[in-house]
N, C-alpha and C. Protein backbone atom coordinates (compact mmCIF):
# COMPACT_ATOMS: atom_id res chain seq x y z
N MET A 1 -24.02 -22.38 11.00
CA MET A 1 -23.12 -21.27 10.83
C MET A 1 -23.78 -19.94 11.17
N ALA A 2 -24.93 -20.00 11.83
CA ALA A 2 -25.64 -18.77 12.19
C ALA A 2 -24.78 -17.89 13.09
N GLU A 3 -24.04 -18.52 14.01
CA GLU A 3 -23.21 -17.72 14.91
C GLU A 3 -22.07 -17.04 14.14
N LEU A 4 -21.56 -17.69 13.11
CA LEU A 4 -20.54 -17.06 12.26
C LEU A 4 -21.13 -15.84 11.57
N ASP A 5 -22.36 -15.94 11.13
CA ASP A 5 -23.03 -14.78 10.53
C ASP A 5 -23.13 -13.65 11.54
N GLY A 6 -23.41 -13.99 12.80
CA GLY A 6 -23.48 -12.98 13.85
C GLY A 6 -22.13 -12.31 14.08
N LEU A 7 -21.06 -13.09 13.99
CA LEU A 7 -19.72 -12.53 14.13
C LEU A 7 -19.42 -11.60 12.96
N ILE A 8 -19.78 -12.04 11.77
CA ILE A 8 -19.59 -11.18 10.59
C ILE A 8 -20.35 -9.88 10.75
N ASP A 9 -21.54 -9.96 11.33
CA ASP A 9 -22.39 -8.78 11.49
C ASP A 9 -21.80 -7.74 12.44
N ILE A 10 -20.92 -8.14 13.37
CA ILE A 10 -20.35 -7.14 14.28
C ILE A 10 -19.21 -6.36 13.64
N ILE A 11 -18.75 -6.80 12.50
CA ILE A 11 -17.65 -6.10 11.82
C ILE A 11 -18.25 -5.01 10.95
N PRO A 12 -17.94 -3.75 11.27
CA PRO A 12 -18.50 -2.64 10.50
C PRO A 12 -17.83 -2.53 9.12
N ILE A 13 -18.51 -3.07 8.13
CA ILE A 13 -17.98 -3.14 6.78
C ILE A 13 -17.60 -1.75 6.25
N GLY A 14 -18.44 -0.76 6.53
CA GLY A 14 -18.15 0.60 6.07
C GLY A 14 -16.82 1.11 6.61
N ASP A 15 -16.54 0.82 7.89
CA ASP A 15 -15.27 1.25 8.50
C ASP A 15 -14.09 0.52 7.86
N VAL A 16 -14.27 -0.77 7.58
CA VAL A 16 -13.21 -1.55 6.92
C VAL A 16 -12.95 -0.97 5.54
N ALA A 17 -14.02 -0.71 4.79
CA ALA A 17 -13.89 -0.16 3.44
C ALA A 17 -13.15 1.18 3.47
N ARG A 18 -13.54 2.05 4.39
CA ARG A 18 -12.87 3.36 4.50
C ARG A 18 -11.40 3.21 4.87
N ARG A 19 -11.12 2.33 5.80
CA ARG A 19 -9.72 2.14 6.25
C ARG A 19 -8.84 1.67 5.10
N LEU A 20 -9.41 0.82 4.23
CA LEU A 20 -8.62 0.27 3.13
C LEU A 20 -8.76 1.05 1.82
N GLY A 21 -9.72 1.96 1.78
CA GLY A 21 -9.94 2.72 0.54
C GLY A 21 -10.53 1.88 -0.57
N VAL A 22 -11.44 0.96 -0.20
CA VAL A 22 -12.10 0.10 -1.18
C VAL A 22 -13.61 0.28 -1.04
N SER A 23 -14.35 -0.25 -1.99
CA SER A 23 -15.81 -0.17 -1.92
C SER A 23 -16.33 -1.08 -0.81
N GLU A 24 -17.53 -0.77 -0.33
CA GLU A 24 -18.15 -1.63 0.69
C GLU A 24 -18.40 -3.02 0.13
N LYS A 25 -18.71 -3.11 -1.16
CA LYS A 25 -18.94 -4.42 -1.78
C LYS A 25 -17.67 -5.27 -1.71
N GLU A 26 -16.52 -4.67 -2.03
CA GLU A 26 -15.25 -5.40 -1.97
C GLU A 26 -14.92 -5.79 -0.52
N ALA A 27 -15.12 -4.84 0.40
CA ALA A 27 -14.83 -5.11 1.81
C ALA A 27 -15.71 -6.23 2.33
N ARG A 28 -17.00 -6.21 1.99
CA ARG A 28 -17.92 -7.26 2.45
C ARG A 28 -17.51 -8.63 1.90
N ALA A 29 -17.20 -8.68 0.61
CA ALA A 29 -16.78 -9.96 0.00
C ALA A 29 -15.51 -10.48 0.67
N ALA A 30 -14.56 -9.58 0.93
CA ALA A 30 -13.30 -9.99 1.55
C ALA A 30 -13.51 -10.46 2.98
N VAL A 31 -14.29 -9.73 3.76
CA VAL A 31 -14.56 -10.12 5.15
C VAL A 31 -15.33 -11.44 5.19
N ASN A 32 -16.32 -11.60 4.31
CA ASN A 32 -17.12 -12.83 4.29
C ASN A 32 -16.29 -14.06 3.94
N THR A 33 -15.17 -13.86 3.28
CA THR A 33 -14.28 -14.98 2.96
C THR A 33 -13.16 -15.12 3.98
N ALA A 34 -12.61 -14.00 4.43
CA ALA A 34 -11.48 -14.03 5.36
C ALA A 34 -11.88 -14.53 6.74
N LEU A 35 -13.03 -14.10 7.22
CA LEU A 35 -13.45 -14.46 8.57
C LEU A 35 -13.58 -15.97 8.78
N PRO A 36 -14.29 -16.69 7.91
CA PRO A 36 -14.36 -18.14 8.11
C PRO A 36 -12.99 -18.82 7.99
N ALA A 37 -12.11 -18.27 7.15
CA ALA A 37 -10.77 -18.84 7.04
C ALA A 37 -10.00 -18.68 8.35
N ILE A 38 -10.12 -17.51 8.98
CA ILE A 38 -9.44 -17.28 10.26
C ILE A 38 -10.01 -18.22 11.33
N VAL A 39 -11.33 -18.31 11.38
CA VAL A 39 -11.96 -19.19 12.39
C VAL A 39 -11.54 -20.64 12.15
N ALA A 40 -11.52 -21.06 10.90
CA ALA A 40 -11.10 -22.43 10.59
C ALA A 40 -9.64 -22.66 10.96
N GLY A 41 -8.79 -21.67 10.70
CA GLY A 41 -7.38 -21.78 11.07
C GLY A 41 -7.19 -21.85 12.57
N LEU A 42 -7.94 -21.02 13.30
CA LEU A 42 -7.88 -21.07 14.77
C LEU A 42 -8.35 -22.42 15.28
N SER A 43 -9.42 -22.93 14.68
CA SER A 43 -9.95 -24.23 15.09
C SER A 43 -8.94 -25.34 14.83
N ALA A 44 -8.28 -25.27 13.68
CA ALA A 44 -7.26 -26.28 13.38
C ALA A 44 -6.12 -26.21 14.39
N ASN A 45 -5.70 -24.99 14.72
CA ASN A 45 -4.64 -24.83 15.72
C ASN A 45 -5.08 -25.33 17.08
N ALA A 46 -6.33 -25.08 17.45
CA ALA A 46 -6.84 -25.47 18.77
C ALA A 46 -7.08 -26.96 18.89
N SER A 47 -6.95 -27.69 17.80
CA SER A 47 -7.21 -29.13 17.85
C SER A 47 -6.09 -29.91 18.55
N SER A 48 -4.94 -29.28 18.73
CA SER A 48 -3.86 -29.93 19.49
C SER A 48 -3.80 -29.30 20.89
N THR A 49 -3.27 -30.03 21.84
CA THR A 49 -3.15 -29.54 23.20
C THR A 49 -2.30 -28.27 23.24
N HIS A 50 -1.16 -28.29 22.56
CA HIS A 50 -0.27 -27.13 22.53
C HIS A 50 -0.96 -25.95 21.85
N GLY A 51 -1.63 -26.19 20.74
CA GLY A 51 -2.33 -25.13 20.02
C GLY A 51 -3.45 -24.52 20.85
N ALA A 52 -4.19 -25.36 21.56
CA ALA A 52 -5.28 -24.86 22.41
C ALA A 52 -4.72 -24.01 23.54
N ALA A 53 -3.61 -24.45 24.13
CA ALA A 53 -2.99 -23.67 25.21
C ALA A 53 -2.49 -22.32 24.69
N SER A 54 -1.90 -22.34 23.51
CA SER A 54 -1.42 -21.10 22.90
C SER A 54 -2.57 -20.15 22.60
N LEU A 55 -3.66 -20.69 22.08
CA LEU A 55 -4.83 -19.87 21.77
C LEU A 55 -5.45 -19.32 23.06
N GLU A 56 -5.51 -20.15 24.09
CA GLU A 56 -6.06 -19.70 25.36
C GLU A 56 -5.24 -18.54 25.93
N LYS A 57 -3.93 -18.62 25.80
CA LYS A 57 -3.05 -17.53 26.25
C LYS A 57 -3.32 -16.26 25.43
N ALA A 58 -3.47 -16.41 24.12
CA ALA A 58 -3.75 -15.26 23.26
C ALA A 58 -5.10 -14.64 23.61
N LEU A 59 -6.08 -15.47 23.93
CA LEU A 59 -7.39 -14.94 24.31
C LEU A 59 -7.29 -14.09 25.56
N GLY A 60 -6.47 -14.51 26.51
CA GLY A 60 -6.27 -13.73 27.73
C GLY A 60 -5.74 -12.34 27.42
N LYS A 61 -4.88 -12.24 26.42
CA LYS A 61 -4.32 -10.95 26.02
C LYS A 61 -5.33 -10.09 25.25
N HIS A 62 -6.32 -10.73 24.64
CA HIS A 62 -7.29 -10.01 23.81
C HIS A 62 -8.64 -9.79 24.49
N SER A 63 -8.76 -10.22 25.74
CA SER A 63 -10.07 -10.17 26.40
C SER A 63 -10.60 -8.76 26.60
N THR A 64 -9.73 -7.80 26.66
CA THR A 64 -10.19 -6.42 26.86
C THR A 64 -9.91 -5.53 25.66
N ARG A 65 -9.56 -6.12 24.55
CA ARG A 65 -9.24 -5.34 23.36
C ARG A 65 -10.52 -4.92 22.65
N SER A 66 -10.41 -3.80 21.97
CA SER A 66 -11.54 -3.24 21.23
C SER A 66 -11.80 -4.03 19.95
N THR A 67 -13.04 -4.05 19.54
CA THR A 67 -13.40 -4.65 18.25
C THR A 67 -13.71 -3.56 17.22
N LYS A 68 -13.41 -2.30 17.56
CA LYS A 68 -13.62 -1.20 16.62
C LYS A 68 -12.48 -1.19 15.61
N VAL A 69 -12.84 -1.11 14.35
CA VAL A 69 -11.86 -1.18 13.27
C VAL A 69 -10.75 -0.14 13.42
N ASP A 70 -11.11 1.07 13.79
CA ASP A 70 -10.10 2.13 13.92
C ASP A 70 -9.16 1.91 15.09
N GLU A 71 -9.51 1.03 16.01
CA GLU A 71 -8.67 0.76 17.18
C GLU A 71 -7.92 -0.56 17.09
N VAL A 72 -8.12 -1.30 16.00
CA VAL A 72 -7.46 -2.59 15.83
C VAL A 72 -5.97 -2.38 15.58
N ASP A 73 -5.16 -3.15 16.28
CA ASP A 73 -3.71 -3.14 16.11
C ASP A 73 -3.37 -4.12 14.98
N THR A 74 -3.12 -3.57 13.79
CA THR A 74 -2.88 -4.45 12.64
C THR A 74 -1.52 -5.16 12.72
N ALA A 75 -0.57 -4.60 13.48
CA ALA A 75 0.70 -5.31 13.67
C ALA A 75 0.44 -6.58 14.47
N ASP A 76 -0.39 -6.48 15.51
CA ASP A 76 -0.80 -7.66 16.27
C ASP A 76 -1.58 -8.60 15.36
N GLY A 77 -2.46 -8.04 14.54
CA GLY A 77 -3.25 -8.84 13.60
C GLY A 77 -2.36 -9.62 12.64
N ALA A 78 -1.30 -8.99 12.16
CA ALA A 78 -0.38 -9.67 11.25
C ALA A 78 0.30 -10.85 11.95
N LYS A 79 0.64 -10.67 13.24
CA LYS A 79 1.25 -11.77 14.00
C LYS A 79 0.25 -12.93 14.14
N ILE A 80 -0.99 -12.58 14.41
CA ILE A 80 -2.03 -13.62 14.55
C ILE A 80 -2.17 -14.39 13.24
N VAL A 81 -2.28 -13.66 12.14
CA VAL A 81 -2.44 -14.29 10.82
C VAL A 81 -1.26 -15.20 10.52
N ASN A 82 -0.04 -14.71 10.78
CA ASN A 82 1.15 -15.53 10.52
C ASN A 82 1.15 -16.79 11.38
N HIS A 83 0.70 -16.66 12.62
CA HIS A 83 0.66 -17.83 13.51
C HIS A 83 -0.43 -18.82 13.06
N VAL A 84 -1.59 -18.29 12.70
CA VAL A 84 -2.71 -19.16 12.34
C VAL A 84 -2.44 -19.93 11.04
N PHE A 85 -1.91 -19.24 10.04
CA PHE A 85 -1.75 -19.88 8.73
C PHE A 85 -0.33 -20.36 8.45
N GLY A 86 0.65 -19.84 9.17
CA GLY A 86 2.03 -20.26 8.97
C GLY A 86 2.45 -20.14 7.52
N PRO A 87 3.13 -21.16 7.01
CA PRO A 87 3.63 -21.10 5.64
C PRO A 87 2.52 -21.13 4.57
N LYS A 88 1.30 -21.42 4.98
CA LYS A 88 0.19 -21.45 4.02
C LYS A 88 -0.49 -20.09 3.87
N LYS A 89 0.03 -19.08 4.57
CA LYS A 89 -0.61 -17.75 4.56
C LYS A 89 -0.79 -17.23 3.13
N GLY A 90 0.22 -17.27 2.33
CA GLY A 90 0.13 -16.78 0.95
C GLY A 90 -0.90 -17.55 0.14
N ALA A 91 -0.94 -18.86 0.33
CA ALA A 91 -1.91 -19.69 -0.39
C ALA A 91 -3.33 -19.37 0.06
N VAL A 92 -3.52 -19.14 1.37
CA VAL A 92 -4.84 -18.79 1.89
C VAL A 92 -5.26 -17.44 1.32
N GLU A 93 -4.34 -16.47 1.31
CA GLU A 93 -4.66 -15.15 0.76
C GLU A 93 -5.06 -15.25 -0.71
N GLU A 94 -4.29 -16.00 -1.44
CA GLU A 94 -4.56 -16.18 -2.89
C GLU A 94 -5.92 -16.84 -3.11
N ALA A 95 -6.17 -17.91 -2.38
CA ALA A 95 -7.43 -18.64 -2.55
C ALA A 95 -8.62 -17.79 -2.10
N ALA A 96 -8.48 -17.09 -0.98
CA ALA A 96 -9.56 -16.24 -0.49
C ALA A 96 -9.84 -15.10 -1.47
N ALA A 97 -8.80 -14.55 -2.05
CA ALA A 97 -8.97 -13.48 -3.04
C ALA A 97 -9.76 -13.98 -4.24
N GLY A 98 -9.43 -15.17 -4.70
CA GLY A 98 -10.16 -15.75 -5.83
C GLY A 98 -11.61 -16.02 -5.49
N LYS A 99 -11.85 -16.55 -4.30
CA LYS A 99 -13.21 -16.86 -3.89
C LYS A 99 -14.04 -15.59 -3.70
N ALA A 100 -13.41 -14.54 -3.14
CA ALA A 100 -14.14 -13.29 -2.88
C ALA A 100 -14.18 -12.38 -4.11
N ASP A 101 -13.40 -12.73 -5.13
CA ASP A 101 -13.29 -11.92 -6.34
C ASP A 101 -12.78 -10.52 -6.02
N VAL A 102 -11.74 -10.48 -5.17
CA VAL A 102 -11.03 -9.25 -4.86
C VAL A 102 -9.54 -9.53 -5.01
N SER A 103 -8.73 -8.49 -4.94
CA SER A 103 -7.29 -8.70 -5.08
C SER A 103 -6.70 -9.36 -3.84
N LYS A 104 -5.60 -10.04 -4.04
CA LYS A 104 -4.88 -10.67 -2.92
C LYS A 104 -4.43 -9.59 -1.94
N ASP A 105 -4.10 -8.40 -2.44
CA ASP A 105 -3.69 -7.29 -1.60
C ASP A 105 -4.79 -6.91 -0.61
N ILE A 106 -6.05 -6.90 -1.07
CA ILE A 106 -7.16 -6.56 -0.18
C ILE A 106 -7.29 -7.62 0.92
N ILE A 107 -7.21 -8.88 0.54
CA ILE A 107 -7.28 -9.96 1.55
C ILE A 107 -6.12 -9.83 2.53
N ALA A 108 -4.92 -9.55 2.02
CA ALA A 108 -3.75 -9.42 2.88
C ALA A 108 -3.92 -8.27 3.87
N LYS A 109 -4.67 -7.24 3.51
CA LYS A 109 -4.92 -6.11 4.41
C LYS A 109 -6.11 -6.37 5.33
N ILE A 110 -7.07 -7.16 4.87
CA ILE A 110 -8.27 -7.46 5.68
C ILE A 110 -7.93 -8.44 6.81
N LEU A 111 -7.14 -9.45 6.54
CA LEU A 111 -6.85 -10.47 7.55
C LEU A 111 -6.32 -9.88 8.86
N PRO A 112 -5.32 -8.96 8.83
CA PRO A 112 -4.83 -8.41 10.10
C PRO A 112 -5.81 -7.46 10.80
N ILE A 113 -6.84 -7.03 10.11
CA ILE A 113 -7.88 -6.23 10.75
C ILE A 113 -8.89 -7.17 11.41
N VAL A 114 -9.27 -8.21 10.72
CA VAL A 114 -10.31 -9.11 11.19
C VAL A 114 -9.80 -10.05 12.29
N ALA A 115 -8.57 -10.51 12.20
CA ALA A 115 -8.05 -11.48 13.17
C ALA A 115 -8.13 -11.00 14.62
N PRO A 116 -7.70 -9.77 14.95
CA PRO A 116 -7.83 -9.33 16.34
C PRO A 116 -9.28 -9.17 16.78
N ILE A 117 -10.15 -8.81 15.86
CA ILE A 117 -11.58 -8.70 16.19
C ILE A 117 -12.12 -10.08 16.56
N VAL A 118 -11.73 -11.10 15.79
CA VAL A 118 -12.17 -12.46 16.08
C VAL A 118 -11.65 -12.90 17.45
N LEU A 119 -10.38 -12.63 17.74
CA LEU A 119 -9.83 -13.04 19.04
C LEU A 119 -10.51 -12.30 20.19
N ALA A 120 -10.78 -11.00 20.02
CA ALA A 120 -11.46 -10.25 21.08
C ALA A 120 -12.87 -10.80 21.30
N TRP A 121 -13.56 -11.11 20.22
CA TRP A 121 -14.91 -11.67 20.31
C TRP A 121 -14.86 -13.05 20.96
N LEU A 122 -13.92 -13.87 20.53
CA LEU A 122 -13.78 -15.21 21.08
C LEU A 122 -13.40 -15.16 22.56
N ALA A 123 -12.55 -14.21 22.94
CA ALA A 123 -12.18 -14.05 24.34
C ALA A 123 -13.41 -13.73 25.18
N GLN A 124 -14.29 -12.89 24.67
CA GLN A 124 -15.53 -12.58 25.39
C GLN A 124 -16.39 -13.84 25.56
N LYS A 125 -16.44 -14.67 24.52
CA LYS A 125 -17.23 -15.91 24.57
C LYS A 125 -16.64 -16.92 25.55
N VAL A 126 -15.32 -17.09 25.49
CA VAL A 126 -14.66 -18.14 26.27
C VAL A 126 -14.35 -17.68 27.69
N LEU A 127 -13.88 -16.43 27.82
CA LEU A 127 -13.45 -15.94 29.12
C LEU A 127 -14.50 -15.08 29.81
N GLY A 128 -15.52 -14.72 29.09
CA GLY A 128 -16.58 -13.89 29.68
C GLY A 128 -16.12 -12.52 30.10
N GLY A 129 -15.13 -11.96 29.39
CA GLY A 129 -14.68 -10.61 29.68
C GLY A 129 -13.58 -10.53 30.73
N LYS A 130 -13.13 -11.68 31.26
CA LYS A 130 -12.07 -11.68 32.26
C LYS A 130 -10.73 -11.76 31.55
N SER A 131 -9.74 -11.04 32.05
CA SER A 131 -8.41 -11.15 31.47
C SER A 131 -7.71 -12.35 32.07
N GLY A 132 -6.61 -12.72 31.48
CA GLY A 132 -5.89 -13.90 31.95
C GLY A 132 -6.34 -15.12 31.18
N THR A 133 -5.97 -16.28 31.68
CA THR A 133 -6.36 -17.50 31.00
C THR A 133 -7.60 -18.06 31.63
N SER A 134 -8.32 -18.82 30.88
CA SER A 134 -9.56 -19.40 31.38
C SER A 134 -9.27 -20.71 32.06
N THR A 135 -10.28 -21.21 32.70
CA THR A 135 -10.15 -22.53 33.32
C THR A 135 -10.76 -23.59 32.43
N THR A 136 -11.22 -23.17 31.25
CA THR A 136 -11.79 -24.16 30.34
C THR A 136 -10.68 -24.92 29.66
N SER A 137 -10.99 -26.08 29.23
CA SER A 137 -10.00 -26.86 28.49
C SER A 137 -10.01 -26.42 27.05
N GLY A 138 -9.04 -26.89 26.28
CA GLY A 138 -9.01 -26.60 24.86
C GLY A 138 -10.28 -27.03 24.17
N GLY A 139 -10.96 -28.02 24.74
CA GLY A 139 -12.23 -28.46 24.17
C GLY A 139 -13.27 -27.37 24.21
N GLY A 140 -13.21 -26.52 25.25
CA GLY A 140 -14.13 -25.40 25.34
C GLY A 140 -13.92 -24.43 24.19
N ILE A 141 -12.67 -24.09 23.95
CA ILE A 141 -12.33 -23.21 22.83
C ILE A 141 -12.72 -23.88 21.53
N GLY A 142 -12.37 -25.15 21.40
CA GLY A 142 -12.70 -25.90 20.19
C GLY A 142 -14.19 -25.97 19.95
N SER A 143 -14.96 -26.09 21.04
CA SER A 143 -16.41 -26.14 20.90
C SER A 143 -16.98 -24.83 20.40
N VAL A 144 -16.46 -23.71 20.93
CA VAL A 144 -16.92 -22.40 20.47
C VAL A 144 -16.57 -22.21 19.00
N LEU A 145 -15.32 -22.53 18.66
CA LEU A 145 -14.90 -22.39 17.26
C LEU A 145 -15.69 -23.32 16.36
N GLY A 146 -15.89 -24.56 16.82
CA GLY A 146 -16.67 -25.52 16.04
C GLY A 146 -18.10 -25.07 15.84
N GLY A 147 -18.67 -24.45 16.89
CA GLY A 147 -20.01 -23.91 16.77
C GLY A 147 -20.09 -22.82 15.71
N LEU A 148 -19.03 -22.03 15.62
CA LEU A 148 -18.98 -20.99 14.59
C LEU A 148 -18.97 -21.60 13.19
N LEU A 149 -18.27 -22.73 13.09
CA LEU A 149 -18.14 -23.39 11.79
C LEU A 149 -19.32 -24.30 11.48
N GLY A 150 -20.15 -24.54 12.47
CA GLY A 150 -21.36 -25.31 12.24
C GLY A 150 -21.30 -26.78 12.56
N LYS A 151 -20.13 -27.31 12.92
CA LYS A 151 -20.06 -28.75 13.18
C LYS A 151 -18.96 -29.13 14.15
N ASP A 152 -18.86 -28.52 15.29
CA ASP A 152 -17.79 -28.85 16.24
C ASP A 152 -16.44 -29.01 15.56
N GLY A 153 -16.12 -28.07 14.66
CA GLY A 153 -14.83 -28.09 14.01
C GLY A 153 -14.77 -28.94 12.78
N GLY A 154 -15.79 -29.70 12.47
CA GLY A 154 -15.77 -30.57 11.31
C GLY A 154 -15.71 -29.82 10.00
N GLY A 155 -16.07 -28.56 10.02
CA GLY A 155 -16.06 -27.75 8.80
C GLY A 155 -14.71 -27.17 8.48
N VAL A 156 -13.72 -27.34 9.36
CA VAL A 156 -12.41 -26.76 9.14
C VAL A 156 -11.80 -27.24 7.84
N GLY A 157 -11.78 -28.54 7.65
CA GLY A 157 -11.22 -29.08 6.41
C GLY A 157 -11.98 -28.59 5.19
N ASP A 158 -13.29 -28.49 5.33
CA ASP A 158 -14.11 -28.01 4.21
C ASP A 158 -13.74 -26.58 3.85
N ILE A 159 -13.64 -25.71 4.86
CA ILE A 159 -13.36 -24.31 4.60
C ILE A 159 -11.93 -24.12 4.09
N LEU A 160 -10.95 -24.58 4.86
CA LEU A 160 -9.57 -24.41 4.43
C LEU A 160 -9.27 -25.24 3.18
N GLY A 161 -9.81 -26.45 3.15
CA GLY A 161 -9.60 -27.29 1.96
C GLY A 161 -10.20 -26.66 0.73
N GLY A 162 -11.37 -26.07 0.89
CA GLY A 162 -12.01 -25.38 -0.24
C GLY A 162 -11.21 -24.19 -0.70
N LEU A 163 -10.63 -23.47 0.24
CA LEU A 163 -9.80 -22.33 -0.12
C LEU A 163 -8.50 -22.76 -0.80
N LEU A 164 -7.95 -23.85 -0.31
CA LEU A 164 -6.64 -24.29 -0.82
C LEU A 164 -6.76 -25.38 -1.87
N GLY A 165 -7.89 -25.48 -2.49
CA GLY A 165 -8.04 -26.46 -3.58
C GLY A 165 -8.07 -27.89 -3.11
N GLY A 166 -8.68 -28.14 -1.96
CA GLY A 166 -8.81 -29.52 -1.48
C GLY A 166 -7.71 -29.94 -0.55
N LYS A 167 -6.70 -29.09 -0.35
CA LYS A 167 -5.60 -29.42 0.58
C LYS A 167 -5.96 -28.95 1.97
N LYS A 168 -5.62 -29.72 2.98
CA LYS A 168 -5.84 -29.32 4.37
C LYS A 168 -4.57 -28.77 4.93
């Protein structure tokens, strides 16, 4: 999960804290919990052919987007979060809030900030900064996401299951 730590490190916690009006400690706890949940959700979605194609299309749209907190489009982030978690979004927010020891409201505000940053970062990894869709297969996206989780996606159930009380 060293690469996941590297992804966490590119998120300026101070900027997130200022944007939300919370302490850096709360912002760090929320990001450290929300980020792996987003990556696990993306990995779960990318495990199907349709999900991988959808993610690849989204990466094409995010390949040139900024990863600066003040420039993140939270409306786009909310769409990403809704797509990644679907009807389990509320349960993920609740579980992440409990794990991070912050309010569900903070997690609900952090997810739409972090999700576009993750997609922009992932687009750079998968597409190498080119816009449009890649020529890699969904396995390429899955491999990058799995590498973030530490086990070619095998950690998805652990992360999401842990957040949702053992449910996948």
